[in-house]
Amino acid sequence: MSRVFSGIQPTGEPHIGNLFGAMFNYVKLGEQYGKNAIYCIVDLHAPTNPLAYDKGTLSRLTYEMALANMAVGLDPEQVIFFVQSHVREHAELSWLFTVQTPVGELERMTQYKDKAGKLESVPAGLLMYPVLMAADILLYKADTVPVGEDQVQHIELTREIARRFNHTFGDTFPEPRAVLTQDALRVPGVDGNGKMGKSKGPTSTIGVLEDFGSIWQKLRVAPTDPARVRRTDPGNPDICLIFDYHKLFSDLPTIEMVDVECRRAGIGCIDCKKALLSGIERTLMPIQERAAELNQQPERVYAALAHGAEQARAIAAPVMGEVREKMGFIKL
């Protein structure tokens, strides 16, 4: 049976981009693949980008990412769910891939060029980020990787790394395929500046566990159709990010009402945003209630991660043993 692997970074509060782009899909795939679905909070990736990494919050954000995933419905008894740094083989395999990967291939990565362009001093870890990602996937010989469009290039590099290793040392790793599903949606930032992302800061995101009063303050000032200067001006919901959010959170009658009434100025932007807030509350309230319940017993979350790491190591250790033997390292 195919094995699924996916990782999620703990460099910010879990937000609705994570929810619709990954977390709901994790639950769905977990029901389908069981223990062949491996999900990892990739904390070793966090320090690669100094603009997003904060040593003072990393531990808390890792815990909150685990908490949020479990509150959404991810069952750690059904899947393998753990923290990357708790399985040391990730770092070891990453190094062994690093010494085989040409710098030129890494410098061509679009995400590297985008992030490096914002830094005065570029850490080597940022360049090596996709090698660590390849190690994350191949350590479990996963062949199915659900990702967003921005990660497809990294999966192609992972395939090349697997191919190169297999050619040099013998058949070892599958060449994984990127899976883009309709469930993995590209959610726009609430500030209107591109895709929602943790690295862009809290003004861009709507948190899965965020207080609804705080969410409303962000929605209230969120940009809408710039042609709607006055309440009586007709709008175009097709270019309004609030309407994009309605498609995620609102029921069909509300979506149809907003589509019609916005175009004929039957409702104002504030009314539209209030209707959206109702849908957000309806979706996030059960998740936040489950998170609050889990948070009363944080040892449950830590125990689940420890159990997941133990299961992950049981897969990773033999793979690393195979890699060391094929590469010629001495065995004691």
C-alpha atoms as a PDB file:
ATOM      1  CA  MET A   1       0.000   0.000   0.000  1.00  0.00           C
ATOM      2  CA  SER A   2       1.148   3.558  -0.700  1.00  0.00           C
ATOM      3  CA  ARG A   3       2.610   5.561   2.159  1.00  0.00           C
ATOM      4  CA  VAL A   4       1.708   9.232   2.637  1.00  0.00           C
ATOM      5  CA  PHE A   5       4.019  11.795   4.233  1.00  0.00           C
ATOM      6  CA  SER A   6       3.382  15.453   4.923  1.00  0.00           C
ATOM      7  CA  GLY A   7       4.998  18.054   7.166  1.00  0.00           C
ATOM      8  CA  ILE A   8       3.724  21.306   8.637  1.00  0.00           C
ATOM      9  CA  GLN A   9       5.895  24.088  10.037  1.00  0.00           C
ATOM     10  CA  PRO A  10       5.463  25.531  13.547  1.00  0.00           C
ATOM     11  CA  THR A  11       6.690  29.042  12.671  1.00  0.00           C
ATOM     12  CA  GLY A  12       3.415  30.800  13.492  1.00  0.00           C
ATOM     13  CA  GLU A  13      -0.071  30.291  14.847  1.00  0.00           C
ATOM     14  CA  PRO A  14      -2.025  27.562  13.003  1.00  0.00           C
ATOM     15  CA  HIS A  15      -4.276  29.457  10.590  1.00  0.00           C
ATOM     16  CA  ILE A  16      -7.117  28.800   8.186  1.00  0.00           C
ATOM     17  CA  GLY A  17      -4.669  28.397   5.308  1.00  0.00           C
ATOM     18  CA  ASN A  18      -3.244  25.416   7.206  1.00  0.00           C
ATOM     19  CA  LEU A  19      -6.778  24.249   7.985  1.00  0.00           C
ATOM     20  CA  PHE A  20      -8.041  24.125   4.399  1.00  0.00           C
ATOM     21  CA  GLY A  21      -4.655  23.501   2.785  1.00  0.00           C
ATOM     22  CA  ALA A  22      -3.510  20.632   4.996  1.00  0.00           C
ATOM     23  CA  MET A  23      -5.248  19.819   8.278  1.00  0.00           C
ATOM     24  CA  PHE A  24      -8.662  18.765   6.951  1.00  0.00           C
ATOM     25  CA  ASN A  25      -6.843  16.730   4.318  1.00  0.00           C
ATOM     26  CA  TYR A  26      -4.699  15.055   6.989  1.00  0.00           C
ATOM     27  CA  VAL A  27      -7.838  13.773   8.687  1.00  0.00           C
ATOM     28  CA  LYS A  28      -9.316  12.526   5.414  1.00  0.00           C
ATOM     29  CA  LEU A  29      -6.130  10.753   4.305  1.00  0.00           C
ATOM     30  CA  GLY A  30      -5.638   9.332   7.796  1.00  0.00           C
ATOM     31  CA  GLU A  31      -8.997   7.604   7.560  1.00  0.00           C
ATOM     32  CA  GLN A  32      -7.932   6.142   4.216  1.00  0.00           C
ATOM     33  CA  TYR A  33      -4.300   5.192   4.902  1.00  0.00           C
ATOM     34  CA  GLY A  34      -4.194   4.562   8.670  1.00  0.00           C
ATOM     35  CA  LYS A  35      -0.623   3.992   9.908  1.00  0.00           C
ATOM     36  CA  ASN A  36       0.615   4.518   6.354  1.00  0.00           C
ATOM     37  CA  ALA A  37      -0.244   8.203   6.819  1.00  0.00           C
ATOM     38  CA  ILE A  38       2.745   9.910   8.472  1.00  0.00           C
ATOM     39  CA  TYR A  39       2.426  13.531   9.584  1.00  0.00           C
ATOM     40  CA  CYS A  40       5.277  15.537  11.029  1.00  0.00           C
ATOM     41  CA  ILE A  41       5.585  18.947  12.684  1.00  0.00           C
ATOM     42  CA  VAL A  42       8.800  19.978  10.970  1.00  0.00           C
ATOM     43  CA  ASP A  43      10.487  22.049  13.669  1.00  0.00           C
ATOM     44  CA  LEU A  44      13.991  21.522  12.211  1.00  0.00           C
ATOM     45  CA  HIS A  45      12.868  23.552   9.204  1.00  0.00           C
ATOM     46  CA  ALA A  46      11.912  26.539  11.369  1.00  0.00           C
ATOM     47  CA  PRO A  47      15.454  27.959  11.912  1.00  0.00           C
ATOM     48  CA  THR A  48      16.221  27.940   8.178  1.00  0.00           C
ATOM     49  CA  ASN A  49      14.391  31.251   7.751  1.00  0.00           C
ATOM     50  CA  PRO A  50      15.536  33.887  10.272  1.00  0.00           C
ATOM     51  CA  LEU A  51      12.566  36.106   9.397  1.00  0.00           C
ATOM     52  CA  ALA A  52      10.120  33.471  10.666  1.00  0.00           C
ATOM     53  CA  TYR A  53      12.065  31.667  13.409  1.00  0.00           C
ATOM     54  CA  ASP A  54      11.908  32.726  17.075  1.00  0.00           C
ATOM     55  CA  LYS A  55      13.590  30.486  19.636  1.00  0.00           C
ATOM     56  CA  GLY A  56      11.360  31.904  22.379  1.00  0.00           C
ATOM     57  CA  THR A  57       8.136  30.711  20.745  1.00  0.00           C
ATOM     58  CA  LEU A  58       9.171  27.554  18.870  1.00  0.00           C
ATOM     59  CA  SER A  59       8.240  25.126  21.660  1.00  0.00           C
ATOM     60  CA  ARG A  60       4.854  26.762  22.253  1.00  0.00           C
ATOM     61  CA  LEU A  61       4.015  26.939  18.563  1.00  0.00           C
ATOM     62  CA  THR A  62       4.989  23.293  18.072  1.00  0.00           C
ATOM     63  CA  TYR A  63       2.623  22.312  20.873  1.00  0.00           C
ATOM     64  CA  GLU A  64      -0.160  24.519  19.469  1.00  0.00           C
ATOM     65  CA  MET A  65       0.240  23.012  15.999  1.00  0.00           C
ATOM     66  CA  ALA A  66      -0.131  19.543  17.518  1.00  0.00           C
ATOM     67  CA  LEU A  67      -3.082  20.693  19.614  1.00  0.00           C
ATOM     68  CA  ALA A  68      -4.850  22.261  16.626  1.00  0.00           C
ATOM     69  CA  ASN A  69      -4.391  19.191  14.408  1.00  0.00           C
ATOM     70  CA  MET A  70      -5.790  16.908  17.088  1.00  0.00           C
ATOM     71  CA  ALA A  71      -8.698  19.311  17.697  1.00  0.00           C
ATOM     72  CA  VAL A  72      -9.506  19.295  13.981  1.00  0.00           C
ATOM     73  CA  GLY A  73      -9.871  15.515  14.166  1.00  0.00           C
ATOM     74  CA  LEU A  74      -6.453  13.985  13.524  1.00  0.00           C
ATOM     75  CA  ASP A  75      -6.336  10.784  15.565  1.00  0.00           C
ATOM     76  CA  PRO A  76      -2.784   9.955  16.742  1.00  0.00           C
ATOM     77  CA  GLU A  77      -3.915   6.385  17.372  1.00  0.00           C
ATOM     78  CA  GLN A  78      -4.939   6.050  13.731  1.00  0.00           C
ATOM     79  CA  VAL A  79      -1.953   7.723  12.021  1.00  0.00           C
ATOM     80  CA  ILE A  80       1.697   8.398  12.870  1.00  0.00           C
ATOM     81  CA  PHE A  81       1.969  11.974  14.181  1.00  0.00           C
ATOM     82  CA  PHE A  82       5.183  13.341  15.683  1.00  0.00           C
ATOM     83  CA  VAL A  83       7.738  16.139  15.917  1.00  0.00           C
ATOM     84  CA  GLN A  84      10.609  16.034  13.434  1.00  0.00           C
ATOM     85  CA  SER A  85      13.435  16.770  15.907  1.00  0.00           C
ATOM     86  CA  HIS A  86      12.373  13.774  18.016  1.00  0.00           C
ATOM     87  CA  VAL A  87      13.534  11.442  15.234  1.00  0.00           C
ATOM     88  CA  ARG A  88      17.256  12.101  14.761  1.00  0.00           C
ATOM     89  CA  GLU A  89      17.429  10.135  11.521  1.00  0.00           C
ATOM     90  CA  HIS A  90      15.886  13.115   9.696  1.00  0.00           C
ATOM     91  CA  ALA A  91      19.030  15.183  10.282  1.00  0.00           C
ATOM     92  CA  GLU A  92      21.397  12.295   9.492  1.00  0.00           C
ATOM     93  CA  LEU A  93      19.773  11.420   6.185  1.00  0.00           C
ATOM     94  CA  SER A  94      19.586  15.109   5.285  1.00  0.00           C
ATOM     95  CA  TRP A  95      23.359  15.412   5.667  1.00  0.00           C
ATOM     96  CA  LEU A  96      24.020  12.345   3.540  1.00  0.00           C
ATOM     97  CA  PHE A  97      21.760  13.767   0.819  1.00  0.00           C
ATOM     98  CA  THR A  98      23.443  17.177   1.164  1.00  0.00           C
ATOM     99  CA  VAL A  99      26.863  15.810   0.220  1.00  0.00           C
ATOM    100  CA  GLN A 100      25.386  14.383  -2.988  1.00  0.00           C
ATOM    101  CA  THR A 101      23.218  17.321  -4.085  1.00  0.00           C
ATOM    102  CA  PRO A 102      24.738  19.932  -6.461  1.00  0.00           C
ATOM    103  CA  VAL A 103      24.549  23.514  -5.224  1.00  0.00           C
ATOM    104  CA  GLY A 104      23.290  24.621  -8.622  1.00  0.00           C
ATOM    105  CA  GLU A 105      20.142  22.509  -8.269  1.00  0.00           C
ATOM    106  CA  LEU A 106      19.393  24.134  -4.907  1.00  0.00           C
ATOM    107  CA  GLU A 107      20.043  27.670  -6.134  1.00  0.00           C
ATOM    108  CA  ARG A 108      17.402  27.179  -8.835  1.00  0.00           C
ATOM    109  CA  MET A 109      14.651  26.630  -6.256  1.00  0.00           C
ATOM    110  CA  THR A 110      12.080  29.429  -6.590  1.00  0.00           C
ATOM    111  CA  GLN A 111      11.320  29.600  -2.868  1.00  0.00           C
ATOM    112  CA  TYR A 112      15.024  29.910  -2.055  1.00  0.00           C
ATOM    113  CA  LYS A 113      15.434  32.816  -4.467  1.00  0.00           C
ATOM    114  CA  ASP A 114      12.345  34.565  -3.105  1.00  0.00           C
ATOM    115  CA  LYS A 115      13.371  34.226   0.552  1.00  0.00           C
ATOM    116  CA  ALA A 116      17.085  34.866   0.000  1.00  0.00           C
ATOM    117  CA  GLY A 117      16.230  38.118  -1.764  1.00  0.00           C
ATOM    118  CA  LYS A 118      14.784  39.465   1.485  1.00  0.00           C
ATOM    119  CA  LEU A 119      17.915  38.755   3.552  1.00  0.00           C
ATOM    120  CA  GLU A 120      21.234  40.567   3.827  1.00  0.00           C
ATOM    121  CA  SER A 121      22.998  37.420   5.001  1.00  0.00           C
ATOM    122  CA  VAL A 122      21.621  34.137   3.667  1.00  0.00           C
ATOM    123  CA  PRO A 123      22.054  31.140   6.003  1.00  0.00           C
ATOM    124  CA  ALA A 124      23.205  27.904   4.382  1.00  0.00           C
ATOM    125  CA  GLY A 125      20.206  26.184   5.970  1.00  0.00           C
ATOM    126  CA  LEU A 126      17.846  28.144   3.731  1.00  0.00           C
ATOM    127  CA  LEU A 127      19.629  26.756   0.685  1.00  0.00           C
ATOM    128  CA  MET A 128      19.520  23.231   2.147  1.00  0.00           C
ATOM    129  CA  TYR A 129      15.843  23.398   3.149  1.00  0.00           C
ATOM    130  CA  PRO A 130      14.623  21.214   0.237  1.00  0.00           C
ATOM    131  CA  VAL A 131      17.310  18.587   0.995  1.00  0.00           C
ATOM    132  CA  LEU A 132      15.962  18.242   4.534  1.00  0.00           C
ATOM    133  CA  MET A 133      12.478  18.050   3.040  1.00  0.00           C
ATOM    134  CA  ALA A 134      13.632  15.241   0.761  1.00  0.00           C
ATOM    135  CA  ALA A 135      15.060  13.412   3.775  1.00  0.00           C
ATOM    136  CA  ASP A 136      11.765  13.844   5.644  1.00  0.00           C
ATOM    137  CA  ILE A 137       9.905  12.100   2.837  1.00  0.00           C
ATOM    138  CA  LEU A 138      12.378   9.448   1.771  1.00  0.00           C
ATOM    139  CA  LEU A 139      13.251   8.389   5.334  1.00  0.00           C
ATOM    140  CA  TYR A 140       9.837   6.670   5.387  1.00  0.00           C
ATOM    141  CA  LYS A 141      10.002   5.614   1.722  1.00  0.00           C
ATOM    142  CA  ALA A 142       6.812   7.586   1.183  1.00  0.00           C
ATOM    143  CA  ASP A 143       5.553   7.635  -2.385  1.00  0.00           C
ATOM    144  CA  THR A 144       2.632  10.058  -1.950  1.00  0.00           C
ATOM    145  CA  VAL A 145       3.097  13.644  -0.768  1.00  0.00           C
ATOM    146  CA  PRO A 146       0.098  15.997  -0.551  1.00  0.00           C
ATOM    147  CA  VAL A 147       1.433  19.527  -1.119  1.00  0.00           C
ATOM    148  CA  GLY A 148       0.465  22.971  -2.311  1.00  0.00           C
ATOM    149  CA  GLU A 149       1.531  24.234  -5.718  1.00  0.00           C
ATOM    150  CA  ASP A 150       4.451  26.154  -4.198  1.00  0.00           C
ATOM    151  CA  GLN A 151       6.067  22.884  -3.059  1.00  0.00           C
ATOM    152  CA  VAL A 152       5.876  20.940  -6.327  1.00  0.00           C
ATOM    153  CA  GLN A 153       9.381  22.036  -7.337  1.00  0.00           C
ATOM    154  CA  HIS A 154      10.735  20.640  -4.068  1.00  0.00           C
ATOM    155  CA  ILE A 155       9.085  17.293  -4.739  1.00  0.00           C
ATOM    156  CA  GLU A 156      10.722  17.205  -8.169  1.00  0.00           C
ATOM    157  CA  LEU A 157      14.082  17.742  -6.450  1.00  0.00           C
ATOM    158  CA  THR A 158      13.220  14.940  -3.994  1.00  0.00           C
ATOM    159  CA  ARG A 159      12.618  12.635  -6.949  1.00  0.00           C
ATOM    160  CA  GLU A 160      16.002  13.617  -8.391  1.00  0.00           C
ATOM    161  CA  ILE A 161      17.747  13.006  -5.034  1.00  0.00           C
ATOM    162  CA  ALA A 162      16.119   9.552  -4.799  1.00  0.00           C
ATOM    163  CA  ARG A 163      17.084   8.791  -8.390  1.00  0.00           C
ATOM    164  CA  ARG A 164      20.699   9.842  -7.833  1.00  0.00           C
ATOM    165  CA  PHE A 165      21.026   7.788  -4.650  1.00  0.00           C
ATOM    166  CA  ASN A 166      19.495   4.712  -6.284  1.00  0.00           C
ATOM    167  CA  HIS A 167      21.840   5.017  -9.277  1.00  0.00           C
ATOM    168  CA  THR A 168      24.944   5.389  -7.065  1.00  0.00           C
ATOM    169  CA  PHE A 169      24.220   2.978  -4.227  1.00  0.00           C
ATOM    170  CA  GLY A 170      21.501   0.647  -5.469  1.00  0.00           C
ATOM    171  CA  ASP A 171      17.727   0.671  -5.487  1.00  0.00           C
ATOM    172  CA  THR A 172      16.612   2.095  -2.129  1.00  0.00           C
ATOM    173  CA  PHE A 173      14.039   4.875  -2.371  1.00  0.00           C
ATOM    174  CA  PRO A 174      10.795   5.318  -4.330  1.00  0.00           C
ATOM    175  CA  GLU A 175      10.397   8.463  -6.413  1.00  0.00           C
ATOM    176  CA  PRO A 176       7.499  10.164  -4.628  1.00  0.00           C
ATOM    177  CA  ARG A 177       4.734  11.961  -6.438  1.00  0.00           C
ATOM    178  CA  ALA A 178       3.228  15.265  -5.461  1.00  0.00           C
ATOM    179  CA  VAL A 179      -0.528  15.099  -5.001  1.00  0.00           C
ATOM    180  CA  LEU A 180      -2.485  18.308  -5.521  1.00  0.00           C
ATOM    181  CA  THR A 181      -6.063  17.845  -4.355  1.00  0.00           C
ATOM    182  CA  GLN A 182      -9.028  20.175  -4.457  1.00  0.00           C
ATOM    183  CA  ASP A 183      -9.024  19.998  -0.674  1.00  0.00           C
ATOM    184  CA  ALA A 184      -5.605  21.678  -0.584  1.00  0.00           C
ATOM    185  CA  LEU A 185      -6.860  25.185  -1.234  1.00  0.00           C
ATOM    186  CA  ARG A 186      -4.823  28.358  -1.705  1.00  0.00           C
ATOM    187  CA  VAL A 187      -6.262  30.690   0.915  1.00  0.00           C
ATOM    188  CA  PRO A 188      -5.583  34.435   0.470  1.00  0.00           C
ATOM    189  CA  GLY A 189      -4.197  36.520   3.332  1.00  0.00           C
ATOM    190  CA  VAL A 190      -6.714  38.662   5.191  1.00  0.00           C
ATOM    191  CA  ASP A 191      -4.621  41.748   4.393  1.00  0.00           C
ATOM    192  CA  GLY A 192      -5.110  41.109   0.670  1.00  0.00           C
ATOM    193  CA  ASN A 193      -1.396  40.612  -0.012  1.00  0.00           C
ATOM    194  CA  GLY A 194      -1.165  37.189  -1.625  1.00  0.00           C
ATOM    195  CA  LYS A 195      -1.381  33.759  -0.039  1.00  0.00           C
ATOM    196  CA  MET A 196      -1.995  33.478   3.684  1.00  0.00           C
ATOM    197  CA  GLY A 197       1.232  32.457   5.403  1.00  0.00           C
ATOM    198  CA  LYS A 198       2.706  32.323   8.898  1.00  0.00           C
ATOM    199  CA  SER A 199       5.892  34.060   7.779  1.00  0.00           C
ATOM    200  CA  LYS A 200       3.905  37.152   6.786  1.00  0.00           C
ATOM    201  CA  GLY A 201       2.850  37.783  10.369  1.00  0.00           C
ATOM    202  CA  PRO A 202      -0.443  37.756  12.287  1.00  0.00           C
ATOM    203  CA  THR A 203      -2.005  40.616  10.293  1.00  0.00           C
ATOM    204  CA  SER A 204      -2.120  38.297   7.269  1.00  0.00           C
ATOM    205  CA  THR A 205      -3.674  35.313   9.018  1.00  0.00           C
ATOM    206  CA  ILE A 206      -6.879  34.165  10.666  1.00  0.00           C
ATOM    207  CA  GLY A 207      -5.908  31.740  13.405  1.00  0.00           C
ATOM    208  CA  VAL A 208      -7.679  28.432  13.885  1.00  0.00           C
ATOM    209  CA  LEU A 209      -7.594  29.036  17.656  1.00  0.00           C
ATOM    210  CA  GLU A 210      -7.904  32.834  17.485  1.00  0.00           C
ATOM    211  CA  ASP A 211     -10.444  34.748  19.564  1.00  0.00           C
ATOM    212  CA  PHE A 212     -13.476  35.702  17.459  1.00  0.00           C
ATOM    213  CA  GLY A 213     -13.255  39.319  18.581  1.00  0.00           C
ATOM    214  CA  SER A 214      -9.741  39.470  17.172  1.00  0.00           C
ATOM    215  CA  ILE A 215     -10.879  37.797  13.958  1.00  0.00           C
ATOM    216  CA  TRP A 216     -13.628  40.393  13.579  1.00  0.00           C
ATOM    217  CA  GLN A 217     -11.152  43.253  13.950  1.00  0.00           C
ATOM    218  CA  LYS A 218      -9.159  41.816  11.041  1.00  0.00           C
ATOM    219  CA  LEU A 219     -12.245  41.239   8.892  1.00  0.00           C
ATOM    220  CA  ARG A 220     -13.623  44.704   9.619  1.00  0.00           C
ATOM    221  CA  VAL A 221     -10.636  46.406   7.971  1.00  0.00           C
ATOM    222  CA  ALA A 222      -9.954  43.719   5.342  1.00  0.00           C
ATOM    223  CA  PRO A 223      -9.915  45.058   1.757  1.00  0.00           C
ATOM    224  CA  THR A 224     -12.901  44.426  -0.508  1.00  0.00           C
ATOM    225  CA  ASP A 225     -13.768  45.440  -4.075  1.00  0.00           C
ATOM    226  CA  PRO A 226     -12.059  48.872  -4.436  1.00  0.00           C
ATOM    227  CA  ALA A 227     -14.930  50.033  -6.690  1.00  0.00           C
ATOM    228  CA  ARG A 228     -17.299  50.003  -3.682  1.00  0.00           C
ATOM    229  CA  VAL A 229     -16.456  53.446  -2.321  1.00  0.00           C
ATOM    230  CA  ARG A 230     -19.990  54.053  -1.054  1.00  0.00           C
ATOM    231  CA  ARG A 231     -22.624  51.707   0.365  1.00  0.00           C
ATOM    232  CA  THR A 232     -24.756  52.271  -2.750  1.00  0.00           C
ATOM    233  CA  ASP A 233     -21.991  51.316  -5.209  1.00  0.00           C
ATOM    234  CA  PRO A 234     -22.435  47.860  -6.800  1.00  0.00           C
ATOM    235  CA  GLY A 235     -19.546  45.469  -6.271  1.00  0.00           C
ATOM    236  CA  ASN A 236     -17.909  42.503  -7.921  1.00  0.00           C
ATOM    237  CA  PRO A 237     -17.552  39.568  -5.500  1.00  0.00           C
ATOM    238  CA  ASP A 238     -15.321  37.732  -7.981  1.00  0.00           C
ATOM    239  CA  ILE A 239     -12.424  40.055  -7.042  1.00  0.00           C
ATOM    240  CA  CYS A 240     -13.202  40.285  -3.320  1.00  0.00           C
ATOM    241  CA  LEU A 241     -11.268  38.146  -0.829  1.00  0.00           C
ATOM    242  CA  ILE A 242     -14.250  38.256   1.580  1.00  0.00           C
ATOM    243  CA  PHE A 243     -16.264  36.356  -1.021  1.00  0.00           C
ATOM    244  CA  ASP A 244     -13.370  33.874  -1.306  1.00  0.00           C
ATOM    245  CA  TYR A 245     -13.724  33.299   2.443  1.00  0.00           C
ATOM    246  CA  HIS A 246     -17.492  32.866   2.097  1.00  0.00           C
ATOM    247  CA  LYS A 247     -16.810  29.956  -0.272  1.00  0.00           C
ATOM    248  CA  LEU A 248     -14.826  28.304   2.537  1.00  0.00           C
ATOM    249  CA  PHE A 249     -17.050  29.009   5.517  1.00  0.00           C
ATOM    250  CA  SER A 250     -20.603  29.876   4.459  1.00  0.00           C
ATOM    251  CA  ASP A 251     -23.488  27.663   3.409  1.00  0.00           C
ATOM    252  CA  LEU A 252     -24.768  27.742  -0.168  1.00  0.00           C
ATOM    253  CA  PRO A 253     -27.765  30.071   0.488  1.00  0.00           C
ATOM    254  CA  THR A 254     -25.444  32.645   2.089  1.00  0.00           C
ATOM    255  CA  ILE A 255     -22.934  32.389  -0.761  1.00  0.00           C
ATOM    256  CA  GLU A 256     -25.690  32.870  -3.335  1.00  0.00           C
ATOM    257  CA  MET A 257     -27.182  35.795  -1.384  1.00  0.00           C
ATOM    258  CA  VAL A 258     -23.817  37.587  -1.154  1.00  0.00           C
ATOM    259  CA  ASP A 259     -23.128  36.972  -4.847  1.00  0.00           C
ATOM    260  CA  VAL A 260     -26.406  38.593  -5.883  1.00  0.00           C
ATOM    261  CA  GLU A 261     -26.743  41.343  -3.280  1.00  0.00           C
ATOM    262  CA  CYS A 262     -23.166  42.592  -3.573  1.00  0.00           C
ATOM    263  CA  ARG A 263     -23.532  43.043  -7.326  1.00  0.00           C
ATOM    264  CA  ARG A 264     -26.666  45.162  -6.934  1.00  0.00           C
ATOM    265  CA  ALA A 265     -25.533  46.952  -3.739  1.00  0.00           C
ATOM    266  CA  GLY A 266     -28.259  45.195  -1.769  1.00  0.00           C
ATOM    267  CA  ILE A 267     -25.857  44.695   1.152  1.00  0.00           C
ATOM    268  CA  GLY A 268     -22.838  46.662   2.298  1.00  0.00           C
ATOM    269  CA  CYS A 269     -19.362  45.300   2.941  1.00  0.00           C
ATOM    270  CA  ILE A 270     -19.832  45.347   6.724  1.00  0.00           C
ATOM    271  CA  ASP A 271     -23.042  43.280   6.416  1.00  0.00           C
ATOM    272  CA  CYS A 272     -21.173  40.880   4.137  1.00  0.00           C
ATOM    273  CA  LYS A 273     -18.352  40.549   6.667  1.00  0.00           C
ATOM    274  CA  LYS A 274     -20.779  39.946   9.550  1.00  0.00           C
ATOM    275  CA  ALA A 275     -22.381  37.121   7.582  1.00  0.00           C
ATOM    276  CA  LEU A 276     -18.906  35.691   7.013  1.00  0.00           C
ATOM    277  CA  LEU A 277     -18.066  35.879  10.710  1.00  0.00           C
ATOM    278  CA  SER A 278     -21.104  33.709  11.455  1.00  0.00           C
ATOM    279  CA  GLY A 279     -19.766  31.040   9.108  1.00  0.00           C
ATOM    280  CA  ILE A 280     -16.292  31.268  10.622  1.00  0.00           C
ATOM    281  CA  GLU A 281     -17.709  30.851  14.119  1.00  0.00           C
ATOM    282  CA  ARG A 282     -19.790  27.876  13.004  1.00  0.00           C
ATOM    283  CA  THR A 283     -16.677  26.174  11.571  1.00  0.00           C
ATOM    284  CA  LEU A 284     -14.067  27.082  14.163  1.00  0.00           C
ATOM    285  CA  MET A 285     -16.109  26.967  17.369  1.00  0.00           C
ATOM    286  CA  PRO A 286     -16.191  23.125  17.608  1.00  0.00           C
ATOM    287  CA  ILE A 287     -12.446  23.007  16.891  1.00  0.00           C
ATOM    288  CA  GLN A 288     -11.706  25.624  19.538  1.00  0.00           C
ATOM    289  CA  GLU A 289     -13.884  23.829  22.075  1.00  0.00           C
ATOM    290  CA  ARG A 290     -12.032  20.555  21.472  1.00  0.00           C
ATOM    291  CA  ALA A 291      -8.709  22.373  21.671  1.00  0.00           C
ATOM    292  CA  ALA A 292      -9.688  23.943  24.990  1.00  0.00           C
ATOM    293  CA  GLU A 293     -10.636  20.524  26.332  1.00  0.00           C
ATOM    294  CA  LEU A 294      -7.342  18.997  25.185  1.00  0.00           C
ATOM    295  CA  ASN A 295      -5.419  21.935  26.587  1.00  0.00           C
ATOM    296  CA  GLN A 296      -6.731  21.085  30.044  1.00  0.00           C
ATOM    297  CA  GLN A 297      -4.627  17.917  29.785  1.00  0.00           C
ATOM    298  CA  PRO A 298      -1.497  18.882  27.831  1.00  0.00           C
ATOM    299  CA  GLU A 299       0.125  15.595  28.843  1.00  0.00           C
ATOM    300  CA  ARG A 300      -2.259  13.905  26.377  1.00  0.00           C
ATOM    301  CA  VAL A 301      -0.797  15.945  23.542  1.00  0.00           C
ATOM    302  CA  TYR A 302       2.799  15.299  24.594  1.00  0.00           C
ATOM    303  CA  ALA A 303       2.108  11.582  25.083  1.00  0.00           C
ATOM    304  CA  ALA A 304       0.588  11.370  21.598  1.00  0.00           C
ATOM    305  CA  LEU A 305       3.677  13.020  20.085  1.00  0.00           C
ATOM    306  CA  ALA A 306       6.004  10.740  22.028  1.00  0.00           C
ATOM    307  CA  HIS A 307       4.075   7.680  20.850  1.00  0.00           C
ATOM    308  CA  GLY A 308       4.175   8.961  17.281  1.00  0.00           C
ATOM    309  CA  ALA A 309       7.946   9.543  17.460  1.00  0.00           C
ATOM    310  CA  GLU A 310       8.443   5.993  18.728  1.00  0.00           C
ATOM    311  CA  GLN A 311       6.472   4.620  15.767  1.00  0.00           C
ATOM    312  CA  ALA A 312       8.339   6.883  13.336  1.00  0.00           C
ATOM    313  CA  ARG A 313      11.734   5.769  14.689  1.00  0.00           C
ATOM    314  CA  ALA A 314      10.702   2.134  14.217  1.00  0.00           C
ATOM    315  CA  ILE A 315      10.438   2.860  10.482  1.00  0.00           C
ATOM    316  CA  ALA A 316      13.326   5.326  10.205  1.00  0.00           C
ATOM    317  CA  ALA A 317      16.026   3.317  12.009  1.00  0.00           C
ATOM    318  CA  PRO A 318      16.045   0.328   9.604  1.00  0.00           C
ATOM    319  CA  VAL A 319      16.028   2.661   6.607  1.00  0.00           C
ATOM    320  CA  MET A 320      19.063   4.506   7.968  1.00  0.00           C
ATOM    321  CA  GLY A 321      20.750   1.184   8.641  1.00  0.00           C
ATOM    322  CA  GLU A 322      20.210   0.277   4.991  1.00  0.00           C
ATOM    323  CA  VAL A 323      21.551   3.666   3.849  1.00  0.00           C
ATOM    324  CA  ARG A 324      24.685   3.446   6.024  1.00  0.00           C
ATOM    325  CA  GLU A 325      25.463  -0.054   4.784  1.00  0.00           C
ATOM    326  CA  LYS A 326      25.013   0.879   1.120  1.00  0.00           C
ATOM    327  CA  MET A 327      27.188   3.988   1.533  1.00  0.00           C
ATOM    328  CA  GLY A 328      29.973   1.979   3.161  1.00  0.00           C
ATOM    329  CA  PHE A 329      29.886   3.162   6.769  1.00  0.00           C
ATOM    330  CA  ILE A 330      31.338   0.754   9.324  1.00  0.00           C
ATOM    331  CA  LYS A 331      28.847  -1.274  11.309  1.00  0.00           C
ATOM    332  CA  LEU A 332      29.493  -1.999  14.998  1.00  0.00           C
END
